[in-house]
Amino acid sequence: MQTDLELGQINMFDMTTAELKEMVETSPTFKVDGPAMLAMSMISDAQTEMSMGETEYARRTMNRAKWILVEYLKQPRD
């Protein structure tokens, strides 16, 4: 049974953040080009999804891209 937190993550990303992290870190794009390029690729995917009228898929794809940017490109604070 999934927790409320996991259910919220699934609603937001279509997967849990643990699954998202696994997906990111096994991605060939992530391994070769890094997290920013993977996020850019996902944003392009979201644009395609929107053009096809798949706004819910696009929303979740954009949320995954934003998560990648926050988790992998965040700057340490002084």
N, C-alpha and C. Protein backbone atom coordinates (compact mmCIF):
# COMPACT_ATOMS: atom_id res chain seq x y z
N MET A 1 0.85 -1.18 0.00
CA MET A 1 0.00 0.00 0.00
C MET A 1 0.89 1.25 0.00
N GLN A 2 0.51 2.21 -0.78
CA GLN A 2 1.31 3.42 -0.92
C GLN A 2 0.90 4.46 0.13
N THR A 3 1.90 5.22 0.55
CA THR A 3 1.65 6.28 1.52
C THR A 3 1.01 7.48 0.84
N ASP A 4 0.50 8.41 1.63
CA ASP A 4 -0.06 9.64 1.08
C ASP A 4 1.00 10.41 0.30
N LEU A 5 2.23 10.41 0.82
CA LEU A 5 3.32 11.10 0.14
C LEU A 5 3.58 10.48 -1.23
N GLU A 6 3.63 9.15 -1.30
CA GLU A 6 3.84 8.48 -2.57
C GLU A 6 2.69 8.72 -3.54
N LEU A 7 1.47 8.73 -3.04
CA LEU A 7 0.31 9.01 -3.90
C LEU A 7 0.39 10.42 -4.47
N GLY A 8 0.83 11.37 -3.64
CA GLY A 8 1.02 12.74 -4.13
C GLY A 8 2.10 12.81 -5.20
N GLN A 9 3.18 12.07 -4.99
CA GLN A 9 4.27 12.04 -5.97
C GLN A 9 3.79 11.43 -7.28
N ILE A 10 3.01 10.37 -7.20
CA ILE A 10 2.48 9.73 -8.41
C ILE A 10 1.56 10.69 -9.15
N ASN A 11 0.75 11.44 -8.43
CA ASN A 11 -0.12 12.44 -9.06
C ASN A 11 0.72 13.52 -9.75
N MET A 12 1.82 13.89 -9.12
CA MET A 12 2.64 14.97 -9.65
C MET A 12 3.56 14.51 -10.79
N PHE A 13 4.16 13.32 -10.64
CA PHE A 13 5.20 12.87 -11.58
C PHE A 13 4.84 11.63 -12.38
N ASP A 14 3.74 10.95 -12.04
CA ASP A 14 3.36 9.67 -12.61
C ASP A 14 4.27 8.55 -12.10
N MET A 15 4.99 8.80 -11.01
CA MET A 15 5.86 7.84 -10.36
C MET A 15 6.31 8.44 -9.04
N THR A 16 6.90 7.62 -8.18
CA THR A 16 7.45 8.16 -6.94
C THR A 16 8.79 8.82 -7.24
N THR A 17 9.28 9.63 -6.30
CA THR A 17 10.57 10.26 -6.52
C THR A 17 11.70 9.22 -6.52
N ALA A 18 11.53 8.12 -5.80
CA ALA A 18 12.53 7.05 -5.84
C ALA A 18 12.59 6.45 -7.25
N GLU A 19 11.43 6.22 -7.85
CA GLU A 19 11.38 5.70 -9.23
C GLU A 19 11.93 6.73 -10.21
N LEU A 20 11.62 8.00 -9.98
CA LEU A 20 12.11 9.07 -10.84
C LEU A 20 13.64 9.14 -10.79
N LYS A 21 14.20 9.07 -9.59
CA LYS A 21 15.65 9.10 -9.43
C LYS A 21 16.29 7.93 -10.17
N GLU A 22 15.72 6.75 -10.06
CA GLU A 22 16.22 5.57 -10.77
C GLU A 22 16.16 5.79 -12.28
N MET A 23 15.02 6.32 -12.77
CA MET A 23 14.87 6.58 -14.19
C MET A 23 15.92 7.57 -14.68
N VAL A 24 16.14 8.64 -13.92
CA VAL A 24 17.10 9.67 -14.31
C VAL A 24 18.50 9.09 -14.38
N GLU A 25 18.90 8.42 -13.32
CA GLU A 25 20.29 8.00 -13.20
C GLU A 25 20.65 6.81 -14.08
N THR A 26 19.67 6.16 -14.67
CA THR A 26 19.95 5.10 -15.64
C THR A 26 19.77 5.58 -17.08
N SER A 27 19.38 6.83 -17.24
CA SER A 27 19.15 7.38 -18.57
C SER A 27 20.47 7.61 -19.31
N PRO A 28 20.58 7.14 -20.55
CA PRO A 28 21.79 7.41 -21.33
C PRO A 28 22.05 8.91 -21.51
N THR A 29 20.99 9.68 -21.68
CA THR A 29 21.15 11.13 -21.83
C THR A 29 21.77 11.73 -20.58
N PHE A 30 21.29 11.32 -19.41
CA PHE A 30 21.85 11.80 -18.15
C PHE A 30 23.32 11.42 -18.04
N LYS A 31 23.65 10.19 -18.38
CA LYS A 31 25.02 9.70 -18.25
C LYS A 31 25.98 10.42 -19.19
N VAL A 32 25.53 10.72 -20.40
CA VAL A 32 26.41 11.32 -21.40
C VAL A 32 26.38 12.85 -21.34
N ASP A 33 25.19 13.42 -21.26
CA ASP A 33 25.04 14.87 -21.40
C ASP A 33 24.68 15.60 -20.11
N GLY A 34 24.28 14.89 -19.07
CA GLY A 34 23.99 15.51 -17.80
C GLY A 34 22.53 15.83 -17.59
N PRO A 35 22.22 16.30 -16.37
CA PRO A 35 20.82 16.52 -15.99
C PRO A 35 20.14 17.65 -16.75
N ALA A 36 20.86 18.70 -17.07
CA ALA A 36 20.21 19.82 -17.78
C ALA A 36 19.72 19.38 -19.15
N MET A 37 20.52 18.60 -19.86
CA MET A 37 20.11 18.15 -21.20
C MET A 37 18.95 17.16 -21.10
N LEU A 38 18.94 16.32 -20.05
CA LEU A 38 17.81 15.42 -19.86
C LEU A 38 16.54 16.22 -19.61
N ALA A 39 16.62 17.25 -18.78
CA ALA A 39 15.45 18.10 -18.52
C ALA A 39 14.99 18.78 -19.80
N MET A 40 15.93 19.28 -20.60
CA MET A 40 15.57 19.92 -21.88
C MET A 40 14.84 18.94 -22.79
N SER A 41 15.32 17.72 -22.85
CA SER A 41 14.68 16.70 -23.66
C SER A 41 13.26 16.43 -23.18
N MET A 42 13.08 16.41 -21.87
CA MET A 42 11.75 16.17 -21.32
C MET A 42 10.82 17.35 -21.62
N ILE A 43 11.34 18.56 -21.60
CA ILE A 43 10.53 19.73 -21.94
C ILE A 43 10.08 19.64 -23.40
N SER A 44 10.97 19.18 -24.28
CA SER A 44 10.58 18.97 -25.68
C SER A 44 9.49 17.91 -25.79
N ASP A 45 9.63 16.85 -24.99
CA ASP A 45 8.58 15.81 -24.97
C ASP A 45 7.25 16.41 -24.53
N ALA A 46 7.29 17.28 -23.52
CA ALA A 46 6.06 17.91 -23.03
C ALA A 46 5.42 18.78 -24.10
N GLN A 47 6.25 19.48 -24.87
CA GLN A 47 5.71 20.29 -25.97
C GLN A 47 4.98 19.42 -26.98
N THR A 48 5.56 18.28 -27.30
CA THR A 48 4.91 17.35 -28.23
C THR A 48 3.61 16.84 -27.64
N GLU A 49 3.63 16.49 -26.35
CA GLU A 49 2.41 16.01 -25.70
C GLU A 49 1.33 17.08 -25.73
N MET A 50 1.70 18.34 -25.49
CA MET A 50 0.71 19.42 -25.53
C MET A 50 0.13 19.58 -26.94
N SER A 51 0.99 19.48 -27.95
CA SER A 51 0.50 19.65 -29.32
C SER A 51 -0.47 18.54 -29.71
N MET A 52 -0.38 17.41 -29.00
CA MET A 52 -1.28 16.29 -29.27
C MET A 52 -2.50 16.32 -28.34
N GLY A 53 -2.61 17.39 -27.54
CA GLY A 53 -3.76 17.52 -26.64
C GLY A 53 -3.64 16.72 -25.35
N GLU A 54 -2.47 16.19 -25.09
CA GLU A 54 -2.25 15.37 -23.89
C GLU A 54 -1.74 16.25 -22.74
N THR A 55 -2.57 17.14 -22.27
CA THR A 55 -2.12 18.13 -21.28
C THR A 55 -1.77 17.49 -19.94
N GLU A 56 -2.44 16.44 -19.53
CA GLU A 56 -2.11 15.79 -18.26
C GLU A 56 -0.73 15.13 -18.33
N TYR A 57 -0.45 14.46 -19.43
CA TYR A 57 0.89 13.88 -19.62
C TYR A 57 1.95 14.99 -19.64
N ALA A 58 1.64 16.06 -20.34
CA ALA A 58 2.58 17.18 -20.43
C ALA A 58 2.84 17.79 -19.06
N ARG A 59 1.83 17.92 -18.24
CA ARG A 59 1.99 18.47 -16.90
C ARG A 59 2.94 17.61 -16.08
N ARG A 60 2.75 16.32 -16.13
CA ARG A 60 3.62 15.42 -15.37
C ARG A 60 5.04 15.40 -15.92
N THR A 61 5.17 15.46 -17.23
CA THR A 61 6.51 15.50 -17.83
C THR A 61 7.24 16.77 -17.42
N MET A 62 6.54 17.90 -17.43
CA MET A 62 7.16 19.16 -16.99
C MET A 62 7.54 19.08 -15.52
N ASN A 63 6.71 18.48 -14.69
CA ASN A 63 7.04 18.34 -13.27
C ASN A 63 8.29 17.49 -13.08
N ARG A 64 8.44 16.43 -13.89
CA ARG A 64 9.65 15.62 -13.80
C ARG A 64 10.88 16.43 -14.20
N ALA A 65 10.76 17.22 -15.27
CA ALA A 65 11.88 18.06 -15.71
C ALA A 65 12.26 19.07 -14.64
N LYS A 66 11.28 19.69 -14.01
CA LYS A 66 11.55 20.66 -12.95
C LYS A 66 12.23 19.98 -11.76
N TRP A 67 11.77 18.79 -11.41
CA TRP A 67 12.37 18.05 -10.30
C TRP A 67 13.85 17.79 -10.58
N ILE A 68 14.16 17.39 -11.80
CA ILE A 68 15.56 17.14 -12.18
C ILE A 68 16.39 18.40 -12.00
N LEU A 69 15.89 19.52 -12.48
CA LEU A 69 16.64 20.77 -12.35
C LEU A 69 16.88 21.13 -10.90
N VAL A 70 15.86 20.97 -10.06
CA VAL A 70 16.00 21.31 -8.64
C VAL A 70 16.94 20.33 -7.94
N GLU A 71 16.77 19.06 -8.17
CA GLU A 71 17.54 18.05 -7.46
C GLU A 71 19.00 17.95 -7.90
N TYR A 72 19.25 18.16 -9.16
CA TYR A 72 20.61 17.94 -9.68
C TYR A 72 21.39 19.21 -9.98
N LEU A 73 20.70 20.33 -10.07
CA LEU A 73 21.41 21.57 -10.40
C LEU A 73 21.31 22.64 -9.33
N LYS A 74 20.78 22.30 -8.17
CA LYS A 74 20.64 23.30 -7.11
C LYS A 74 22.02 23.75 -6.62
N GLN A 75 22.10 25.01 -6.32
CA GLN A 75 23.35 25.59 -5.83
C GLN A 75 23.34 25.57 -4.31
N PRO A 76 24.49 25.24 -3.70
CA PRO A 76 24.53 25.30 -2.24
C PRO A 76 24.40 26.75 -1.77
N ARG A 77 23.73 26.92 -0.66
CA ARG A 77 23.54 28.28 -0.10
C ARG A 77 24.66 28.57 0.88
N ASP A 78 25.05 29.84 0.94
CA ASP A 78 26.10 30.24 1.89
C ASP A 78 25.58 30.20 3.30
